[in-house]
Amino acid sequence: MAWMTAEAAVAIAAGIIVSSIALVGFGLHSVIEFAAAAVVVWQLRGEAEDRETRAVRLIGVTFFALAAYLAVPSIRDLVTQARAGQSVPGLAVTSAALVIMPSLPIAKHRTGRPWATALPSPTPPRAPSARSSRPPPCWALA
């Protein structure tokens, strides 16, 4: 969460300073990730079954809002041939993300492992296979 907050703050501030919709969008994506994590925690703390549906909708709405926010100024900038300035903080946060982001799914997996074993399984466990030691593609890309 600390990384997403720092990433969002630097990217949004740098994007506004140099008029870069891509950099602002990068920062807003971090805000949405943070909000999505909060929604998931909210969903997991509740008892109602409809919380999952509401959580998925809330997360989906935020991504559609980001897409709309990015589409309009991007089309305007393409039509007017506007160019964003260069940003050293923007380059730094993007470079740091390239280094830090691959380690986050590993940390998430390690954090979630104790919770997964503590929760009751709705289906009987499957026999281990040769592929079970590898993370699924969705986990690797998270």
N, C-alpha and C. Protein backbone atom coordinates (compact mmCIF):
# COMPACT_ATOMS: atom_id res chain seq x y z
N MET A 1 0.82 -1.18 0.00
CA MET A 1 0.00 0.00 0.00
C MET A 1 0.88 1.25 0.00
N ALA A 2 1.98 1.21 0.71
CA ALA A 2 2.87 2.37 0.76
C ALA A 2 3.44 2.66 -0.63
N TRP A 3 3.80 1.58 -1.36
CA TRP A 3 4.33 1.77 -2.70
C TRP A 3 3.28 2.42 -3.60
N MET A 4 2.05 1.94 -3.56
CA MET A 4 1.01 2.49 -4.43
C MET A 4 0.75 3.96 -4.11
N THR A 5 0.81 4.32 -2.83
CA THR A 5 0.58 5.71 -2.44
C THR A 5 1.69 6.60 -2.98
N ALA A 6 2.93 6.19 -2.79
CA ALA A 6 4.06 6.98 -3.29
C ALA A 6 4.05 7.06 -4.82
N GLU A 7 3.80 5.93 -5.46
CA GLU A 7 3.75 5.88 -6.92
C GLU A 7 2.67 6.81 -7.45
N ALA A 8 1.50 6.77 -6.84
CA ALA A 8 0.39 7.62 -7.28
C ALA A 8 0.72 9.09 -7.09
N ALA A 9 1.24 9.45 -5.93
CA ALA A 9 1.54 10.86 -5.65
C ALA A 9 2.57 11.42 -6.62
N VAL A 10 3.66 10.70 -6.82
CA VAL A 10 4.72 11.18 -7.71
C VAL A 10 4.23 11.22 -9.15
N ALA A 11 3.58 10.17 -9.60
CA ALA A 11 3.15 10.11 -11.00
C ALA A 11 2.10 11.18 -11.31
N ILE A 12 1.13 11.36 -10.43
CA ILE A 12 0.09 12.36 -10.68
C ILE A 12 0.67 13.77 -10.65
N ALA A 13 1.49 14.05 -9.64
CA ALA A 13 2.10 15.39 -9.55
C ALA A 13 2.99 15.67 -10.76
N ALA A 14 3.84 14.72 -11.11
CA ALA A 14 4.73 14.92 -12.26
C ALA A 14 3.92 15.03 -13.55
N GLY A 15 2.87 14.24 -13.69
CA GLY A 15 2.04 14.29 -14.89
C GLY A 15 1.32 15.62 -15.05
N ILE A 16 0.85 16.17 -13.95
CA ILE A 16 0.18 17.47 -14.01
C ILE A 16 1.19 18.57 -14.37
N ILE A 17 2.36 18.51 -13.78
CA ILE A 17 3.38 19.54 -14.04
C ILE A 17 3.78 19.57 -15.52
N VAL A 18 3.94 18.39 -16.14
CA VAL A 18 4.40 18.35 -17.54
C VAL A 18 3.27 18.09 -18.53
N SER A 19 2.03 18.12 -18.05
CA SER A 19 0.85 17.91 -18.90
C SER A 19 0.88 16.57 -19.62
N SER A 20 1.18 15.51 -18.88
CA SER A 20 1.24 14.17 -19.44
C SER A 20 0.06 13.34 -18.96
N ILE A 21 -0.89 13.12 -19.86
CA ILE A 21 -2.06 12.33 -19.51
C ILE A 21 -1.66 10.88 -19.19
N ALA A 22 -0.63 10.39 -19.84
CA ALA A 22 -0.17 9.01 -19.59
C ALA A 22 0.37 8.88 -18.17
N LEU A 23 1.13 9.86 -17.73
CA LEU A 23 1.71 9.81 -16.39
C LEU A 23 0.63 9.99 -15.33
N VAL A 24 -0.32 10.89 -15.56
CA VAL A 24 -1.45 11.05 -14.64
C VAL A 24 -2.26 9.75 -14.59
N GLY A 25 -2.49 9.15 -15.75
CA GLY A 25 -3.22 7.87 -15.79
C GLY A 25 -2.50 6.77 -15.04
N PHE A 26 -1.17 6.75 -15.14
CA PHE A 26 -0.36 5.78 -14.42
C PHE A 26 -0.57 5.95 -12.91
N GLY A 27 -0.57 7.20 -12.46
CA GLY A 27 -0.79 7.48 -11.04
C GLY A 27 -2.21 7.14 -10.60
N LEU A 28 -3.20 7.48 -11.44
CA LEU A 28 -4.58 7.17 -11.10
C LEU A 28 -4.82 5.66 -11.05
N HIS A 29 -4.10 4.92 -11.89
CA HIS A 29 -4.21 3.46 -11.84
C HIS A 29 -3.76 2.96 -10.47
N SER A 30 -2.74 3.56 -9.90
CA SER A 30 -2.29 3.17 -8.56
C SER A 30 -3.35 3.50 -7.52
N VAL A 31 -4.03 4.64 -7.68
CA VAL A 31 -5.11 5.00 -6.76
C VAL A 31 -6.22 3.96 -6.85
N ILE A 32 -6.54 3.54 -8.07
CA ILE A 32 -7.59 2.54 -8.27
C ILE A 32 -7.18 1.20 -7.67
N GLU A 33 -5.92 0.82 -7.83
CA GLU A 33 -5.44 -0.43 -7.21
C GLU A 33 -5.59 -0.37 -5.69
N PHE A 34 -5.25 0.78 -5.12
CA PHE A 34 -5.39 0.96 -3.68
C PHE A 34 -6.85 0.84 -3.27
N ALA A 35 -7.72 1.52 -4.01
CA ALA A 35 -9.16 1.46 -3.72
C ALA A 35 -9.70 0.04 -3.88
N ALA A 36 -9.23 -0.67 -4.92
CA ALA A 36 -9.67 -2.05 -5.15
C ALA A 36 -9.24 -2.94 -3.98
N ALA A 37 -8.04 -2.73 -3.48
CA ALA A 37 -7.59 -3.51 -2.33
C ALA A 37 -8.47 -3.23 -1.11
N ALA A 38 -8.84 -1.97 -0.91
CA ALA A 38 -9.73 -1.62 0.20
C ALA A 38 -11.11 -2.26 0.02
N VAL A 39 -11.61 -2.30 -1.20
CA VAL A 39 -12.90 -2.91 -1.48
C VAL A 39 -12.84 -4.41 -1.19
N VAL A 40 -11.75 -5.04 -1.57
CA VAL A 40 -11.61 -6.49 -1.32
C VAL A 40 -11.56 -6.76 0.19
N VAL A 41 -10.84 -5.94 0.93
CA VAL A 41 -10.80 -6.11 2.39
C VAL A 41 -12.21 -5.93 2.96
N TRP A 42 -12.93 -4.90 2.49
CA TRP A 42 -14.31 -4.69 2.93
C TRP A 42 -15.17 -5.91 2.62
N GLN A 43 -15.00 -6.44 1.42
CA GLN A 43 -15.79 -7.61 1.01
C GLN A 43 -15.48 -8.82 1.88
N LEU A 44 -14.22 -9.04 2.19
CA LEU A 44 -13.83 -10.22 2.97
C LEU A 44 -14.25 -10.12 4.43
N ARG A 45 -14.45 -8.92 4.93
CA ARG A 45 -14.84 -8.75 6.34
C ARG A 45 -16.34 -8.89 6.56
N GLY A 46 -17.11 -8.95 5.50
CA GLY A 46 -18.56 -9.03 5.64
C GLY A 46 -19.07 -10.45 5.54
N GLU A 47 -20.31 -10.60 5.92
CA GLU A 47 -20.96 -11.90 5.89
C GLU A 47 -21.88 -12.05 4.70
N ALA A 48 -22.41 -10.95 4.19
CA ALA A 48 -23.41 -11.02 3.12
C ALA A 48 -22.80 -11.52 1.82
N GLU A 49 -23.57 -12.38 1.12
CA GLU A 49 -23.08 -12.93 -0.14
C GLU A 49 -23.08 -11.90 -1.26
N ASP A 50 -23.95 -10.89 -1.16
CA ASP A 50 -24.01 -9.88 -2.20
C ASP A 50 -22.84 -8.92 -2.16
N ARG A 51 -22.00 -9.00 -1.12
CA ARG A 51 -20.83 -8.13 -1.04
C ARG A 51 -19.86 -8.39 -2.19
N GLU A 52 -19.74 -9.64 -2.59
CA GLU A 52 -18.82 -9.95 -3.68
C GLU A 52 -19.27 -9.27 -4.97
N THR A 53 -20.55 -9.32 -5.27
CA THR A 53 -21.08 -8.68 -6.47
C THR A 53 -20.86 -7.18 -6.40
N ARG A 54 -21.15 -6.58 -5.25
CA ARG A 54 -20.95 -5.13 -5.11
C ARG A 54 -19.48 -4.77 -5.21
N ALA A 55 -18.60 -5.60 -4.65
CA ALA A 55 -17.16 -5.33 -4.70
C ALA A 55 -16.67 -5.35 -6.15
N VAL A 56 -17.08 -6.36 -6.90
CA VAL A 56 -16.66 -6.46 -8.30
C VAL A 56 -17.18 -5.27 -9.10
N ARG A 57 -18.40 -4.86 -8.84
CA ARG A 57 -18.98 -3.70 -9.54
C ARG A 57 -18.23 -2.42 -9.20
N LEU A 58 -17.92 -2.23 -7.92
CA LEU A 58 -17.19 -1.03 -7.51
C LEU A 58 -15.83 -0.96 -8.20
N ILE A 59 -15.12 -2.07 -8.22
CA ILE A 59 -13.81 -2.10 -8.86
C ILE A 59 -13.95 -1.86 -10.36
N GLY A 60 -14.93 -2.49 -10.98
CA GLY A 60 -15.16 -2.31 -12.42
C GLY A 60 -15.49 -0.88 -12.77
N VAL A 61 -16.32 -0.22 -11.97
CA VAL A 61 -16.69 1.17 -12.24
C VAL A 61 -15.46 2.07 -12.20
N THR A 62 -14.56 1.83 -11.25
CA THR A 62 -13.37 2.67 -11.17
C THR A 62 -12.50 2.53 -12.40
N PHE A 63 -12.37 1.32 -12.93
CA PHE A 63 -11.57 1.14 -14.14
C PHE A 63 -12.23 1.77 -15.36
N PHE A 64 -13.56 1.68 -15.46
CA PHE A 64 -14.25 2.35 -16.56
C PHE A 64 -14.12 3.86 -16.46
N ALA A 65 -14.16 4.40 -15.24
CA ALA A 65 -13.97 5.83 -15.05
C ALA A 65 -12.57 6.26 -15.49
N LEU A 66 -11.57 5.45 -15.16
CA LEU A 66 -10.20 5.75 -15.60
C LEU A 66 -10.11 5.72 -17.12
N ALA A 67 -10.72 4.73 -17.74
CA ALA A 67 -10.69 4.63 -19.20
C ALA A 67 -11.33 5.85 -19.84
N ALA A 68 -12.46 6.30 -19.30
CA ALA A 68 -13.12 7.50 -19.84
C ALA A 68 -12.25 8.73 -19.63
N TYR A 69 -11.64 8.83 -18.45
CA TYR A 69 -10.78 9.97 -18.15
C TYR A 69 -9.59 10.02 -19.11
N LEU A 70 -9.04 8.88 -19.42
CA LEU A 70 -7.88 8.83 -20.32
C LEU A 70 -8.26 9.01 -21.78
N ALA A 71 -9.40 8.50 -22.19
CA ALA A 71 -9.80 8.55 -23.60
C ALA A 71 -10.01 9.97 -24.10
N VAL A 72 -10.76 10.77 -23.35
CA VAL A 72 -11.11 12.11 -23.82
C VAL A 72 -9.87 12.99 -24.01
N PRO A 73 -9.03 13.18 -23.00
CA PRO A 73 -7.85 14.03 -23.22
C PRO A 73 -6.85 13.43 -24.22
N SER A 74 -6.78 12.10 -24.27
CA SER A 74 -5.86 11.47 -25.22
C SER A 74 -6.28 11.77 -26.66
N ILE A 75 -7.57 11.67 -26.93
CA ILE A 75 -8.07 11.98 -28.28
C ILE A 75 -7.84 13.46 -28.58
N ARG A 76 -8.12 14.31 -27.59
CA ARG A 76 -7.88 15.75 -27.78
C ARG A 76 -6.42 16.02 -28.08
N ASP A 77 -5.51 15.40 -27.33
CA ASP A 77 -4.08 15.61 -27.55
C ASP A 77 -3.64 15.09 -28.92
N LEU A 78 -4.23 13.98 -29.37
CA LEU A 78 -3.90 13.46 -30.70
C LEU A 78 -4.37 14.42 -31.79
N VAL A 79 -5.57 14.94 -31.64
CA VAL A 79 -6.12 15.84 -32.65
C VAL A 79 -5.34 17.15 -32.70
N THR A 80 -5.00 17.70 -31.54
CA THR A 80 -4.29 18.98 -31.49
C THR A 80 -2.78 18.80 -31.58
N GLN A 81 -2.31 17.58 -31.63
CA GLN A 81 -0.89 17.24 -31.68
C GLN A 81 -0.12 17.84 -30.51
N ALA A 82 -0.76 17.84 -29.35
CA ALA A 82 -0.11 18.34 -28.14
C ALA A 82 0.97 17.35 -27.70
N ARG A 83 2.01 17.87 -27.13
CA ARG A 83 3.12 17.03 -26.66
C ARG A 83 3.35 17.29 -25.17
N ALA A 84 3.53 16.22 -24.44
CA ALA A 84 3.83 16.33 -23.01
C ALA A 84 5.30 16.67 -22.84
N GLY A 85 5.61 17.32 -21.74
CA GLY A 85 7.00 17.62 -21.43
C GLY A 85 7.70 16.42 -20.82
N GLN A 86 8.99 16.58 -20.58
CA GLN A 86 9.75 15.51 -19.94
C GLN A 86 9.72 15.71 -18.44
N SER A 87 9.76 14.61 -17.71
CA SER A 87 9.68 14.67 -16.26
C SER A 87 10.66 13.68 -15.65
N VAL A 88 11.65 14.22 -14.95
CA VAL A 88 12.62 13.34 -14.27
C VAL A 88 11.93 12.53 -13.18
N PRO A 89 11.06 13.16 -12.34
CA PRO A 89 10.35 12.32 -11.35
C PRO A 89 9.46 11.26 -12.02
N GLY A 90 8.86 11.61 -13.14
CA GLY A 90 8.03 10.63 -13.87
C GLY A 90 8.86 9.47 -14.37
N LEU A 91 10.03 9.77 -14.92
CA LEU A 91 10.92 8.70 -15.38
C LEU A 91 11.40 7.85 -14.20
N ALA A 92 11.67 8.52 -13.08
CA ALA A 92 12.15 7.79 -11.90
C ALA A 92 11.09 6.84 -11.36
N VAL A 93 9.85 7.32 -11.24
CA VAL A 93 8.79 6.46 -10.68
C VAL A 93 8.47 5.32 -11.65
N THR A 94 8.52 5.58 -12.94
CA THR A 94 8.27 4.52 -13.91
C THR A 94 9.39 3.48 -13.88
N SER A 95 10.62 3.94 -13.78
CA SER A 95 11.76 3.01 -13.69
C SER A 95 11.70 2.20 -12.40
N ALA A 96 11.36 2.86 -11.31
CA ALA A 96 11.24 2.15 -10.03
C ALA A 96 10.14 1.10 -10.11
N ALA A 97 9.04 1.44 -10.77
CA ALA A 97 7.94 0.48 -10.91
C ALA A 97 8.39 -0.76 -11.68
N LEU A 98 9.23 -0.56 -12.69
CA LEU A 98 9.74 -1.71 -13.45
C LEU A 98 10.57 -2.64 -12.58
N VAL A 99 11.23 -2.08 -11.59
CA VAL A 99 12.06 -2.89 -10.70
C VAL A 99 11.23 -3.49 -9.56
N ILE A 100 10.35 -2.69 -8.97
CA ILE A 100 9.62 -3.11 -7.77
C ILE A 100 8.41 -3.99 -8.09
N MET A 101 7.67 -3.66 -9.13
CA MET A 101 6.41 -4.35 -9.41
C MET A 101 6.54 -5.87 -9.56
N PRO A 102 7.57 -6.39 -10.19
CA PRO A 102 7.65 -7.86 -10.29
C PRO A 102 7.75 -8.57 -8.94
N SER A 103 8.25 -7.90 -7.92
CA SER A 103 8.37 -8.54 -6.60
C SER A 103 7.05 -8.50 -5.82
N LEU A 104 6.12 -7.63 -6.18
CA LEU A 104 4.86 -7.52 -5.44
C LEU A 104 4.00 -8.78 -5.50
N PRO A 105 3.84 -9.43 -6.66
CA PRO A 105 3.04 -10.66 -6.66
C PRO A 105 3.62 -11.75 -5.75
N ILE A 106 4.93 -11.81 -5.66
CA ILE A 106 5.56 -12.79 -4.78
C ILE A 106 5.21 -12.49 -3.33
N ALA A 107 5.29 -11.20 -2.96
CA ALA A 107 4.94 -10.81 -1.59
C ALA A 107 3.46 -11.05 -1.31
N LYS A 108 2.60 -10.77 -2.29
CA LYS A 108 1.16 -11.02 -2.11
C LYS A 108 0.90 -12.51 -1.91
N HIS A 109 1.59 -13.32 -2.69
CA HIS A 109 1.40 -14.78 -2.58
C HIS A 109 1.83 -15.26 -1.20
N ARG A 110 2.96 -14.78 -0.71
CA ARG A 110 3.44 -15.18 0.61
C ARG A 110 2.49 -14.72 1.71
N THR A 111 1.95 -13.52 1.55
CA THR A 111 1.01 -12.99 2.54
C THR A 111 -0.29 -13.77 2.53
N GLY A 112 -0.77 -14.13 1.36
CA GLY A 112 -2.05 -14.82 1.24
C GLY A 112 -2.00 -16.30 1.57
N ARG A 113 -0.85 -16.90 1.52
CA ARG A 113 -0.74 -18.35 1.77
C ARG A 113 -1.29 -18.77 3.13
N PRO A 114 -0.95 -18.09 4.23
CA PRO A 114 -1.53 -18.51 5.52
C PRO A 114 -3.05 -18.36 5.56
N TRP A 115 -3.59 -17.34 4.92
CA TRP A 115 -5.03 -17.14 4.90
C TRP A 115 -5.70 -18.25 4.10
N ALA A 116 -5.09 -18.64 3.00
CA ALA A 116 -5.68 -19.67 2.15
C ALA A 116 -5.76 -21.01 2.88
N THR A 117 -4.76 -21.32 3.69
CA THR A 117 -4.79 -22.59 4.41
C THR A 117 -5.74 -22.54 5.59
N ALA A 118 -6.04 -21.34 6.11
CA ALA A 118 -6.94 -21.21 7.25
C ALA A 118 -8.41 -21.23 6.84
N LEU A 119 -8.70 -20.92 5.58
CA LEU A 119 -10.07 -20.88 5.11
C LEU A 119 -10.55 -22.28 4.74
N PRO A 120 -11.81 -22.58 5.00
CA PRO A 120 -12.32 -23.89 4.58
C PRO A 120 -12.42 -23.94 3.06
N SER A 121 -12.09 -25.07 2.53
CA SER A 121 -12.13 -25.25 1.08
C SER A 121 -13.50 -25.73 0.65
N PRO A 122 -14.11 -25.07 -0.36
CA PRO A 122 -15.43 -25.50 -0.80
C PRO A 122 -15.39 -26.82 -1.58
N THR A 123 -14.24 -27.16 -2.11
CA THR A 123 -14.10 -28.41 -2.85
C THR A 123 -12.97 -29.21 -2.23
N PRO A 124 -13.00 -30.52 -2.39
CA PRO A 124 -11.89 -31.30 -1.84
C PRO A 124 -10.58 -30.94 -2.52
N PRO A 125 -9.49 -30.98 -1.79
CA PRO A 125 -8.21 -30.64 -2.40
C PRO A 125 -7.83 -31.63 -3.50
N ARG A 126 -7.19 -31.09 -4.53
CA ARG A 126 -6.73 -31.94 -5.63
C ARG A 126 -5.37 -32.53 -5.30
N ALA A 127 -5.08 -33.61 -5.95
CA ALA A 127 -3.76 -34.22 -5.78
C ALA A 127 -2.72 -33.30 -6.41
N PRO A 128 -1.57 -33.15 -5.77
CA PRO A 128 -0.54 -32.27 -6.34
C PRO A 128 -0.07 -32.80 -7.69
N SER A 129 0.20 -31.88 -8.56
CA SER A 129 0.72 -32.25 -9.87
C SER A 129 2.04 -31.53 -10.09
N ALA A 130 2.67 -31.84 -11.19
CA ALA A 130 3.95 -31.20 -11.52
C ALA A 130 3.75 -29.70 -11.71
N ARG A 131 2.56 -29.28 -12.16
CA ARG A 131 2.30 -27.86 -12.40
C ARG A 131 1.95 -27.11 -11.12
N SER A 132 1.60 -27.79 -10.04
CA SER A 132 1.13 -27.11 -8.84
C SER A 132 2.22 -26.27 -8.17
N SER A 133 3.47 -26.57 -8.43
CA SER A 133 4.53 -25.79 -7.81
C SER A 133 4.74 -24.46 -8.51
N ARG A 134 4.19 -24.31 -9.71
CA ARG A 134 4.32 -23.04 -10.43
C ARG A 134 3.09 -22.18 -10.20
N PRO A 135 3.29 -20.85 -10.13
CA PRO A 135 2.12 -19.99 -9.95
C PRO A 135 1.29 -19.94 -11.22
N PRO A 136 -0.02 -19.77 -11.08
CA PRO A 136 -0.85 -19.64 -12.28
C PRO A 136 -0.54 -18.32 -12.99
N PRO A 137 -0.79 -18.24 -14.28
CA PRO A 137 -0.47 -17.02 -15.02
C PRO A 137 -1.13 -15.77 -14.43
N CYS A 138 -2.37 -15.87 -13.93
CA CYS A 138 -3.02 -14.68 -13.38
C CYS A 138 -2.29 -14.19 -12.13
N TRP A 139 -1.74 -15.10 -11.34
CA TRP A 139 -0.99 -14.70 -10.15
C TRP A 139 0.30 -14.02 -10.58
N ALA A 140 0.95 -14.55 -11.58
CA ALA A 140 2.22 -14.00 -12.03
C ALA A 140 2.05 -12.61 -12.64
N LEU A 141 0.89 -12.36 -13.22
CA LEU A 141 0.66 -11.08 -13.86
C LEU A 141 0.01 -10.06 -12.95
N ALA A 142 -0.39 -10.46 -11.75
CA ALA A 142 -1.09 -9.53 -10.83
C ALA A 142 -0.20 -8.38 -10.41
